[in-house]
Amino acid sequence: MCLTKFKYNVETIAPDSENTMIKPHIIEMLKNRFDKIITLFDYDEAGIKSAKKYEEVYGIPYAILPLEKDLSDSVKVHGIKKCNEKLVPLLREALSLYK
């Protein structure tokens, strides 16, 4: 929901939890539909572990915003402008991994 406040031209989905991997057939369908996919999980042990697992299993790069636990908390504490300033380079770096 917070990403809509940033006005990024993105579509988002969320697994039931960071401990639940999205099924391979769903990932395949998404890869066929979109040119680039990245994960953006929470800035905690579970989120970082999940992001690395998606990269390892599905080859999906990730961005981790190192402010608060999640994006909505980061916006609440630091504001949209600061979060955007921190998030844009992270997203660009993740997207640059696509050739």
PDB file of N, CA and C in Angstrom:
ATOM      1  N   MET A   1       0.813  -1.201   0.000  1.00  0.00           N
ATOM      2  CA  MET A   1       0.000   0.000   0.000  1.00  0.00           C
ATOM      3  C   MET A   1       0.854   1.262   0.000  1.00  0.00           C
ATOM      4  N   CYS A   2       1.962   1.216   0.703  1.00  0.00           N
ATOM      5  CA  CYS A   2       2.825   2.403   0.757  1.00  0.00           C
ATOM      6  C   CYS A   2       3.432   2.728  -0.592  1.00  0.00           C
ATOM      7  N   LEU A   3       3.688   1.731  -1.409  1.00  0.00           N
ATOM      8  CA  LEU A   3       4.307   2.000  -2.702  1.00  0.00           C
ATOM      9  C   LEU A   3       3.430   2.879  -3.583  1.00  0.00           C
ATOM     10  N   THR A   4       2.123   2.835  -3.390  1.00  0.00           N
ATOM     11  CA  THR A   4       1.247   3.703  -4.178  1.00  0.00           C
ATOM     12  C   THR A   4       1.477   5.172  -3.813  1.00  0.00           C
ATOM     13  N   LYS A   5       1.857   5.436  -2.577  1.00  0.00           N
ATOM     14  CA  LYS A   5       2.148   6.814  -2.167  1.00  0.00           C
ATOM     15  C   LYS A   5       3.388   7.360  -2.868  1.00  0.00           C
ATOM     16  N   PHE A   6       4.290   6.454  -3.252  1.00  0.00           N
ATOM     17  CA  PHE A   6       5.500   6.866  -3.947  1.00  0.00           C
ATOM     18  C   PHE A   6       5.241   7.146  -5.426  1.00  0.00           C
ATOM     19  N   LYS A   7       4.084   6.722  -5.908  1.00  0.00           N
ATOM     20  CA  LYS A   7       3.692   6.898  -7.311  1.00  0.00           C
ATOM     21  C   LYS A   7       4.629   6.177  -8.268  1.00  0.00           C
ATOM     22  N   TYR A   8       5.158   5.039  -7.819  1.00  0.00           N
ATOM     23  CA  TYR A   8       5.960   4.198  -8.702  1.00  0.00           C
ATOM     24  C   TYR A   8       5.014   3.483  -9.658  1.00  0.00           C
ATOM     25  N   ASN A   9       5.471   3.240 -10.854  1.00  0.00           N
ATOM     26  CA  ASN A   9       4.699   2.498 -11.839  1.00  0.00           C
ATOM     27  C   ASN A   9       5.008   1.007 -11.643  1.00  0.00           C
ATOM     28  N   VAL A  10       4.421   0.426 -10.608  1.00  0.00           N
ATOM     29  CA  VAL A  10       4.688  -0.970 -10.261  1.00  0.00           C
ATOM     30  C   VAL A  10       3.396  -1.696  -9.931  1.00  0.00           C
ATOM     31  N   GLU A  11       3.463  -2.991 -10.051  1.00  0.00           N
ATOM     32  CA  GLU A  11       2.405  -3.855  -9.548  1.00  0.00           C
ATOM     33  C   GLU A  11       3.009  -4.666  -8.421  1.00  0.00           C
ATOM     34  N   THR A  12       2.222  -4.941  -7.400  1.00  0.00           N
ATOM     35  CA  THR A  12       2.748  -5.648  -6.239  1.00  0.00           C
ATOM     36  C   THR A  12       1.892  -6.846  -5.882  1.00  0.00           C
ATOM     37  N   ILE A  13       2.543  -7.835  -5.298  1.00  0.00           N
ATOM     38  CA  ILE A  13       1.858  -8.954  -4.668  1.00  0.00           C
ATOM     39  C   ILE A  13       2.578  -9.225  -3.360  1.00  0.00           C
ATOM     40  N   ALA A  14       1.924  -9.910  -2.453  1.00  0.00           N
ATOM     41  CA  ALA A  14       2.541 -10.236  -1.181  1.00  0.00           C
ATOM     42  C   ALA A  14       2.214 -11.673  -0.801  1.00  0.00           C
ATOM     43  N   PRO A  15       3.243 -12.434  -0.418  1.00  0.00           N
ATOM     44  CA  PRO A  15       2.958 -13.779   0.087  1.00  0.00           C
ATOM     45  C   PRO A  15       2.263 -13.685   1.441  1.00  0.00           C
ATOM     46  N   ASP A  16       1.698 -14.799   1.887  1.00  0.00           N
ATOM     47  CA  ASP A  16       1.015 -14.808   3.186  1.00  0.00           C
ATOM     48  C   ASP A  16       1.944 -14.384   4.312  1.00  0.00           C
ATOM     49  N   SER A  17       3.195 -14.772   4.211  1.00  0.00           N
ATOM     50  CA  SER A  17       4.204 -14.344   5.180  1.00  0.00           C
ATOM     51  C   SER A  17       5.564 -14.464   4.512  1.00  0.00           C
ATOM     52  N   GLU A  18       6.568 -13.921   5.161  1.00  0.00           N
ATOM     53  CA  GLU A  18       7.917 -14.024   4.611  1.00  0.00           C
ATOM     54  C   GLU A  18       8.445 -15.443   4.695  1.00  0.00           C
ATOM     55  N   ASN A  19       7.815 -16.267   5.495  1.00  0.00           N
ATOM     56  CA  ASN A  19       8.235 -17.658   5.639  1.00  0.00           C
ATOM     57  C   ASN A  19       7.548 -18.572   4.632  1.00  0.00           C
ATOM     58  N   THR A  20       6.680 -18.014   3.791  1.00  0.00           N
ATOM     59  CA  THR A  20       5.962 -18.780   2.779  1.00  0.00           C
ATOM     60  C   THR A  20       6.471 -18.371   1.405  1.00  0.00           C
ATOM     61  N   MET A  21       7.013 -19.332   0.677  1.00  0.00           N
ATOM     62  CA  MET A  21       7.482 -19.048  -0.678  1.00  0.00           C
ATOM     63  C   MET A  21       6.290 -19.061  -1.633  1.00  0.00           C
ATOM     64  N   ILE A  22       6.266 -18.109  -2.541  1.00  0.00           N
ATOM     65  CA  ILE A  22       5.259 -18.111  -3.593  1.00  0.00           C
ATOM     66  C   ILE A  22       5.556 -19.325  -4.478  1.00  0.00           C
ATOM     67  N   LYS A  23       4.529 -20.027  -4.867  1.00  0.00           N
ATOM     68  CA  LYS A  23       4.668 -21.270  -5.628  1.00  0.00           C
ATOM     69  C   LYS A  23       5.383 -21.022  -6.963  1.00  0.00           C
ATOM     70  N   PRO A  24       6.195 -22.001  -7.394  1.00  0.00           N
ATOM     71  CA  PRO A  24       6.963 -21.835  -8.632  1.00  0.00           C
ATOM     72  C   PRO A  24       6.111 -21.493  -9.857  1.00  0.00           C
ATOM     73  N   HIS A  25       4.939 -22.076  -9.995  1.00  0.00           N
ATOM     74  CA  HIS A  25       4.125 -21.781 -11.175  1.00  0.00           C
ATOM     75  C   HIS A  25       3.637 -20.324 -11.177  1.00  0.00           C
ATOM     76  N   ILE A  26       3.451 -19.754 -10.008  1.00  0.00           N
ATOM     77  CA  ILE A  26       3.069 -18.333  -9.920  1.00  0.00           C
ATOM     78  C   ILE A  26       4.261 -17.455 -10.315  1.00  0.00           C
ATOM     79  N   ILE A  27       5.433 -17.796  -9.820  1.00  0.00           N
ATOM     80  CA  ILE A  27       6.641 -17.043 -10.171  1.00  0.00           C
ATOM     81  C   ILE A  27       6.871 -17.119 -11.677  1.00  0.00           C
ATOM     82  N   GLU A  28       6.709 -18.296 -12.262  1.00  0.00           N
ATOM     83  CA  GLU A  28       6.882 -18.457 -13.709  1.00  0.00           C
ATOM     84  C   GLU A  28       5.904 -17.584 -14.486  1.00  0.00           C
ATOM     85  N   MET A  29       4.647 -17.570 -14.039  1.00  0.00           N
ATOM     86  CA  MET A  29       3.632 -16.736 -14.682  1.00  0.00           C
ATOM     87  C   MET A  29       4.024 -15.257 -14.583  1.00  0.00           C
ATOM     88  N   LEU A  30       4.514 -14.835 -13.437  1.00  0.00           N
ATOM     89  CA  LEU A  30       4.936 -13.443 -13.256  1.00  0.00           C
ATOM     90  C   LEU A  30       6.134 -13.113 -14.129  1.00  0.00           C
ATOM     91  N   LYS A  31       7.081 -14.031 -14.218  1.00  0.00           N
ATOM     92  CA  LYS A  31       8.260 -13.804 -15.061  1.00  0.00           C
ATOM     93  C   LYS A  31       7.879 -13.702 -16.539  1.00  0.00           C
ATOM     94  N   ASN A  32       6.846 -14.432 -16.941  1.00  0.00           N
ATOM     95  CA  ASN A  32       6.371 -14.337 -18.324  1.00  0.00           C
ATOM     96  C   ASN A  32       5.615 -13.037 -18.576  1.00  0.00           C
ATOM     97  N   ARG A  33       5.031 -12.484 -17.537  1.00  0.00           N
ATOM     98  CA  ARG A  33       4.216 -11.275 -17.667  1.00  0.00           C
ATOM     99  C   ARG A  33       5.031  -9.984 -17.546  1.00  0.00           C
ATOM    100  N   PHE A  34       6.062 -10.012 -16.703  1.00  0.00           N
ATOM    101  CA  PHE A  34       6.840  -8.802 -16.429  1.00  0.00           C
ATOM    102  C   PHE A  34       8.294  -8.978 -16.837  1.00  0.00           C
ATOM    103  N   ASP A  35       8.896  -7.897 -17.311  1.00  0.00           N
ATOM    104  CA  ASP A  35      10.306  -7.931 -17.704  1.00  0.00           C
ATOM    105  C   ASP A  35      11.231  -8.044 -16.503  1.00  0.00           C
ATOM    106  N   LYS A  36      10.853  -7.379 -15.425  1.00  0.00           N
ATOM    107  CA  LYS A  36      11.712  -7.336 -14.236  1.00  0.00           C
ATOM    108  C   LYS A  36      10.862  -7.504 -12.990  1.00  0.00           C
ATOM    109  N   ILE A  37      11.376  -8.306 -12.072  1.00  0.00           N
ATOM    110  CA  ILE A  37      10.714  -8.549 -10.795  1.00  0.00           C
ATOM    111  C   ILE A  37      11.766  -8.405  -9.704  1.00  0.00           C
ATOM    112  N   ILE A  38      11.412  -7.738  -8.624  1.00  0.00           N
ATOM    113  CA  ILE A  38      12.294  -7.685  -7.456  1.00  0.00           C
ATOM    114  C   ILE A  38      11.452  -7.943  -6.212  1.00  0.00           C
ATOM    115  N   THR A  39      12.112  -8.358  -5.144  1.00  0.00           N
ATOM    116  CA  THR A  39      11.423  -8.503  -3.869  1.00  0.00           C
ATOM    117  C   THR A  39      11.795  -7.330  -2.966  1.00  0.00           C
ATOM    118  N   LEU A  40      10.861  -6.991  -2.105  1.00  0.00           N
ATOM    119  CA  LEU A  40      11.053  -5.933  -1.115  1.00  0.00           C
ATOM    120  C   LEU A  40      10.416  -6.432   0.181  1.00  0.00           C
ATOM    121  N   PHE A  41      11.224  -7.095   0.971  1.00  0.00           N
ATOM    122  CA  PHE A  41      10.738  -7.638   2.233  1.00  0.00           C
ATOM    123  C   PHE A  41      11.141  -6.739   3.399  1.00  0.00           C
ATOM    124  N   ASP A  42      10.705  -7.112   4.585  1.00  0.00           N
ATOM    125  CA  ASP A  42      11.008  -6.335   5.787  1.00  0.00           C
ATOM    126  C   ASP A  42      12.505  -6.317   6.084  1.00  0.00           C
ATOM    127  N   TYR A  43      12.899  -5.277   6.801  1.00  0.00           N
ATOM    128  CA  TYR A  43      14.276  -5.131   7.256  1.00  0.00           C
ATOM    129  C   TYR A  43      14.404  -5.793   8.629  1.00  0.00           C
ATOM    130  N   ASP A  44      14.351  -7.115   8.600  1.00  0.00           N
ATOM    131  CA  ASP A  44      14.569  -7.913   9.800  1.00  0.00           C
ATOM    132  C   ASP A  44      15.145  -9.248   9.346  1.00  0.00           C
ATOM    133  N   GLU A  45      15.466 -10.096  10.291  1.00  0.00           N
ATOM    134  CA  GLU A  45      16.112 -11.366   9.959  1.00  0.00           C
ATOM    135  C   GLU A  45      15.276 -12.197   8.984  1.00  0.00           C
ATOM    136  N   ALA A  46      13.984 -12.310   9.242  1.00  0.00           N
ATOM    137  CA  ALA A  46      13.105 -13.105   8.375  1.00  0.00           C
ATOM    138  C   ALA A  46      13.023 -12.506   6.968  1.00  0.00           C
ATOM    139  N   GLY A  47      12.919 -11.198   6.874  1.00  0.00           N
ATOM    140  CA  GLY A  47      12.819 -10.539   5.578  1.00  0.00           C
ATOM    141  C   GLY A  47      14.085 -10.676   4.754  1.00  0.00           C
ATOM    142  N   ILE A  48      15.211 -10.498   5.387  1.00  0.00           N
ATOM    143  CA  ILE A  48      16.491 -10.619   4.682  1.00  0.00           C
ATOM    144  C   ILE A  48      16.708 -12.066   4.236  1.00  0.00           C
ATOM    145  N   LYS A  49      16.382 -13.000   5.105  1.00  0.00           N
ATOM    146  CA  LYS A  49      16.509 -14.427   4.766  1.00  0.00           C
ATOM    147  C   LYS A  49      15.605 -14.779   3.578  1.00  0.00           C
ATOM    148  N   SER A  50      14.376 -14.294   3.589  1.00  0.00           N
ATOM    149  CA  SER A  50      13.445 -14.576   2.499  1.00  0.00           C
ATOM    150  C   SER A  50      13.901 -13.949   1.189  1.00  0.00           C
ATOM    151  N   ALA A  51      14.371 -12.719   1.250  1.00  0.00           N
ATOM    152  CA  ALA A  51      14.847 -12.047   0.036  1.00  0.00           C
ATOM    153  C   ALA A  51      15.987 -12.842  -0.598  1.00  0.00           C
ATOM    154  N   LYS A  52      16.903 -13.300   0.218  1.00  0.00           N
ATOM    155  CA  LYS A  52      18.036 -14.077  -0.288  1.00  0.00           C
ATOM    156  C   LYS A  52      17.565 -15.428  -0.837  1.00  0.00           C
ATOM    157  N   LYS A  53      16.551 -16.011  -0.223  1.00  0.00           N
ATOM    158  CA  LYS A  53      16.014 -17.295  -0.700  1.00  0.00           C
ATOM    159  C   LYS A  53      15.343 -17.133  -2.071  1.00  0.00           C
ATOM    160  N   TYR A  54      14.563 -16.058  -2.263  1.00  0.00           N
ATOM    161  CA  TYR A  54      13.945 -15.806  -3.566  1.00  0.00           C
ATOM    162  C   TYR A  54      15.008 -15.589  -4.639  1.00  0.00           C
ATOM    163  N   GLU A  55      16.093 -14.938  -4.265  1.00  0.00           N
ATOM    164  CA  GLU A  55      17.177 -14.736  -5.223  1.00  0.00           C
ATOM    165  C   GLU A  55      17.832 -16.077  -5.567  1.00  0.00           C
ATOM    166  N   GLU A  56      18.074 -16.883  -4.554  1.00  0.00           N
ATOM    167  CA  GLU A  56      18.717 -18.181  -4.755  1.00  0.00           C
ATOM    168  C   GLU A  56      17.832 -19.145  -5.551  1.00  0.00           C
ATOM    169  N   VAL A  57      16.566 -19.245  -5.174  1.00  0.00           N
ATOM    170  CA  VAL A  57      15.661 -20.227  -5.781  1.00  0.00           C
ATOM    171  C   VAL A  57      15.132 -19.765  -7.136  1.00  0.00           C
ATOM    172  N   TYR A  58      14.733 -18.491  -7.223  1.00  0.00           N
ATOM    173  CA  TYR A  58      14.062 -17.994  -8.427  1.00  0.00           C
ATOM    174  C   TYR A  58      14.883 -17.002  -9.251  1.00  0.00           C
ATOM    175  N   GLY A  59      16.057 -16.606  -8.753  1.00  0.00           N
ATOM    176  CA  GLY A  59      16.862 -15.635  -9.475  1.00  0.00           C
ATOM    177  C   GLY A  59      16.271 -14.239  -9.468  1.00  0.00           C
ATOM    178  N   ILE A  60      15.508 -13.921  -8.425  1.00  0.00           N
ATOM    179  CA  ILE A  60      14.868 -12.605  -8.321  1.00  0.00           C
ATOM    180  C   ILE A  60      15.699 -11.719  -7.390  1.00  0.00           C
ATOM    181  N   PRO A  61      16.227 -10.609  -7.905  1.00  0.00           N
ATOM    182  CA  PRO A  61      16.986  -9.707  -7.042  1.00  0.00           C
ATOM    183  C   PRO A  61      16.077  -9.030  -6.004  1.00  0.00           C
ATOM    184  N   TYR A  62      16.700  -8.467  -4.999  1.00  0.00           N
ATOM    185  CA  TYR A  62      15.919  -7.868  -3.919  1.00  0.00           C
ATOM    186  C   TYR A  62      16.449  -6.491  -3.534  1.00  0.00           C
ATOM    187  N   ALA A  63      15.577  -5.745  -2.877  1.00  0.00           N
ATOM    188  CA  ALA A  63      15.938  -4.475  -2.253  1.00  0.00           C
ATOM    189  C   ALA A  63      15.477  -4.560  -0.797  1.00  0.00           C
ATOM    190  N   ILE A  64      16.314  -4.125   0.093  1.00  0.00           N
ATOM    191  CA  ILE A  64      15.974  -4.072   1.519  1.00  0.00           C
ATOM    192  C   ILE A  64      16.186  -2.630   1.965  1.00  0.00           C
ATOM    193  N   LEU A  65      15.134  -1.994   2.450  1.00  0.00           N
ATOM    194  CA  LEU A  65      15.226  -0.611   2.927  1.00  0.00           C
ATOM    195  C   LEU A  65      15.672  -0.616   4.384  1.00  0.00           C
ATOM    196  N   PRO A  66      16.915  -0.206   4.658  1.00  0.00           N
ATOM    197  CA  PRO A  66      17.447  -0.309   6.022  1.00  0.00           C
ATOM    198  C   PRO A  66      17.102   0.887   6.912  1.00  0.00           C
ATOM    199  N   LEU A  67      15.818   1.089   7.113  1.00  0.00           N
ATOM    200  CA  LEU A  67      15.384   2.144   8.030  1.00  0.00           C
ATOM    201  C   LEU A  67      14.656   1.510   9.207  1.00  0.00           C
ATOM    202  N   GLU A  68      13.377   1.311   9.073  1.00  0.00           N
ATOM    203  CA  GLU A  68      12.580   0.668  10.116  1.00  0.00           C
ATOM    204  C   GLU A  68      12.274  -0.768   9.666  1.00  0.00           C
ATOM    205  N   LYS A  69      11.493  -1.493  10.462  1.00  0.00           N
ATOM    206  CA  LYS A  69      11.202  -2.894  10.160  1.00  0.00           C
ATOM    207  C   LYS A  69      10.555  -3.086   8.796  1.00  0.00           C
ATOM    208  N   ASP A  70       9.592  -2.261   8.456  1.00  0.00           N
ATOM    209  CA  ASP A  70       8.941  -2.406   7.155  1.00  0.00           C
ATOM    210  C   ASP A  70       8.735  -1.033   6.520  1.00  0.00           C
ATOM    211  N   LEU A  71       8.258  -1.056   5.289  1.00  0.00           N
ATOM    212  CA  LEU A  71       8.115   0.189   4.533  1.00  0.00           C
ATOM    213  C   LEU A  71       7.135   1.155   5.192  1.00  0.00           C
ATOM    214  N   SER A  72       6.023   0.638   5.680  1.00  0.00           N
ATOM    215  CA  SER A  72       5.037   1.543   6.288  1.00  0.00           C
ATOM    216  C   SER A  72       5.579   2.188   7.564  1.00  0.00           C
ATOM    217  N   ASP A  73       6.316   1.437   8.368  1.00  0.00           N
ATOM    218  CA  ASP A  73       6.940   2.032   9.559  1.00  0.00           C
ATOM    219  C   ASP A  73       7.985   3.062   9.155  1.00  0.00           C
ATOM    220  N   SER A  74       8.731   2.774   8.103  1.00  0.00           N
ATOM    221  CA  SER A  74       9.748   3.709   7.622  1.00  0.00           C
ATOM    222  C   SER A  74       9.113   5.023   7.180  1.00  0.00           C
ATOM    223  N   VAL A  75       7.993   4.931   6.457  1.00  0.00           N
ATOM    224  CA  VAL A  75       7.284   6.141   6.019  1.00  0.00           C
ATOM    225  C   VAL A  75       6.753   6.897   7.226  1.00  0.00           C
ATOM    226  N   LYS A  76       6.193   6.179   8.172  1.00  0.00           N
ATOM    227  CA  LYS A  76       5.624   6.808   9.372  1.00  0.00           C
ATOM    228  C   LYS A  76       6.696   7.546  10.173  1.00  0.00           C
ATOM    229  N   VAL A  77       7.869   6.933  10.326  1.00  0.00           N
ATOM    230  CA  VAL A  77       8.925   7.517  11.150  1.00  0.00           C
ATOM    231  C   VAL A  77       9.743   8.562  10.392  1.00  0.00           C
ATOM    232  N   HIS A  78      10.055   8.284   9.120  1.00  0.00           N
ATOM    233  CA  HIS A  78      11.003   9.123   8.380  1.00  0.00           C
ATOM    234  C   HIS A  78      10.373   9.978   7.280  1.00  0.00           C
ATOM    235  N   GLY A  79       9.128   9.673   6.923  1.00  0.00           N
ATOM    236  CA  GLY A  79       8.455  10.430   5.863  1.00  0.00           C
ATOM    237  C   GLY A  79       8.713   9.858   4.480  1.00  0.00           C
ATOM    238  N   ILE A  80       7.821  10.205   3.590  1.00  0.00           N
ATOM    239  CA  ILE A  80       7.892   9.680   2.223  1.00  0.00           C
ATOM    240  C   ILE A  80       9.163  10.146   1.517  1.00  0.00           C
ATOM    241  N   LYS A  81       9.523  11.403   1.670  1.00  0.00           N
ATOM    242  CA  LYS A  81      10.682  11.947   0.953  1.00  0.00           C
ATOM    243  C   LYS A  81      11.963  11.200   1.297  1.00  0.00           C
ATOM    244  N   LYS A  82      12.245  11.018   2.586  1.00  0.00           N
ATOM    245  CA  LYS A  82      13.477  10.335   2.988  1.00  0.00           C
ATOM    246  C   LYS A  82      13.449   8.877   2.550  1.00  0.00           C
ATOM    247  N   CYS A  83      12.308   8.224   2.697  1.00  0.00           N
ATOM    248  CA  CYS A  83      12.195   6.825   2.267  1.00  0.00           C
ATOM    249  C   CYS A  83      12.433   6.706   0.773  1.00  0.00           C
ATOM    250  N   ASN A  84      11.857   7.604   0.017  1.00  0.00           N
ATOM    251  CA  ASN A  84      12.046   7.596  -1.433  1.00  0.00           C
ATOM    252  C   ASN A  84      13.512   7.806  -1.791  1.00  0.00           C
ATOM    253  N   GLU A  85      14.163   8.749  -1.116  1.00  0.00           N
ATOM    254  CA  GLU A  85      15.582   9.014  -1.374  1.00  0.00           C
ATOM    255  C   GLU A  85      16.444   7.784  -1.108  1.00  0.00           C
ATOM    256  N   LYS A  86      16.081   6.999  -0.104  1.00  0.00           N
ATOM    257  CA  LYS A  86      16.836   5.784   0.238  1.00  0.00           C
ATOM    258  C   LYS A  86      16.441   4.604  -0.647  1.00  0.00           C
ATOM    259  N   LEU A  87      15.157   4.530  -0.995  1.00  0.00           N
ATOM    260  CA  LEU A  87      14.640   3.368  -1.705  1.00  0.00           C
ATOM    261  C   LEU A  87      14.986   3.373  -3.197  1.00  0.00           C
ATOM    262  N   VAL A  88      14.928   4.520  -3.840  1.00  0.00           N
ATOM    263  CA  VAL A  88      15.169   4.591  -5.291  1.00  0.00           C
ATOM    264  C   VAL A  88      16.523   3.987  -5.673  1.00  0.00           C
ATOM    265  N   PRO A  89      17.627   4.352  -5.016  1.00  0.00           N
ATOM    266  CA  PRO A  89      18.907   3.738  -5.401  1.00  0.00           C
ATOM    267  C   PRO A  89      18.931   2.221  -5.176  1.00  0.00           C
ATOM    268  N   LEU A  90      18.259   1.761  -4.135  1.00  0.00           N
ATOM    269  CA  LEU A  90      18.208   0.324  -3.867  1.00  0.00           C
ATOM    270  C   LEU A  90      17.429  -0.413  -4.957  1.00  0.00           C
ATOM    271  N   LEU A  91      16.322   0.176  -5.369  1.00  0.00           N
ATOM    272  CA  LEU A  91      15.532  -0.426  -6.441  1.00  0.00           C
ATOM    273  C   LEU A  91      16.305  -0.404  -7.757  1.00  0.00           C
ATOM    274  N   ARG A  92      16.966   0.698  -8.041  1.00  0.00           N
ATOM    275  CA  ARG A  92      17.767   0.786  -9.279  1.00  0.00           C
ATOM    276  C   ARG A  92      18.876  -0.256  -9.288  1.00  0.00           C
ATOM    277  N   GLU A  93      19.516  -0.424  -8.146  1.00  0.00           N
ATOM    278  CA  GLU A  93      20.599  -1.421  -8.041  1.00  0.00           C
ATOM    279  C   GLU A  93      20.041  -2.830  -8.311  1.00  0.00           C
ATOM    280  N   ALA A  94      18.900  -3.151  -7.694  1.00  0.00           N
ATOM    281  CA  ALA A  94      18.287  -4.459  -7.912  1.00  0.00           C
ATOM    282  C   ALA A  94      17.890  -4.632  -9.377  1.00  0.00           C
ATOM    283  N   LEU A  95      17.304  -3.613  -9.964  1.00  0.00           N
ATOM    284  CA  LEU A  95      16.876  -3.692 -11.359  1.00  0.00           C
ATOM    285  C   LEU A  95      18.060  -3.773 -12.316  1.00  0.00           C
ATOM    286  N   SER A  96      19.191  -3.204 -11.923  1.00  0.00           N
ATOM    287  CA  SER A  96      20.382  -3.223 -12.790  1.00  0.00           C
ATOM    288  C   SER A  96      20.952  -4.631 -12.935  1.00  0.00           C
ATOM    289  N   LEU A  97      20.543  -5.543 -12.093  1.00  0.00           N
ATOM    290  CA  LEU A  97      21.020  -6.914 -12.190  1.00  0.00           C
ATOM    291  C   LEU A  97      20.410  -7.650 -13.379  1.00  0.00           C
ATOM    292  N   TYR A  98      19.372  -7.057 -13.955  1.00  0.00           N
ATOM    293  CA  TYR A  98      18.792  -7.601 -15.188  1.00  0.00           C
ATOM    294  C   TYR A  98      19.608  -7.074 -16.365  1.00  0.00           C
ATOM    295  N   LYS A  99      19.980  -7.929 -17.246  1.00  0.00           N
ATOM    296  CA  LYS A  99      20.787  -7.538 -18.410  1.00  0.00           C
ATOM    297  C   LYS A  99      19.892  -7.177 -19.563  1.00  0.00           C
TER     298      LYS A  99
END
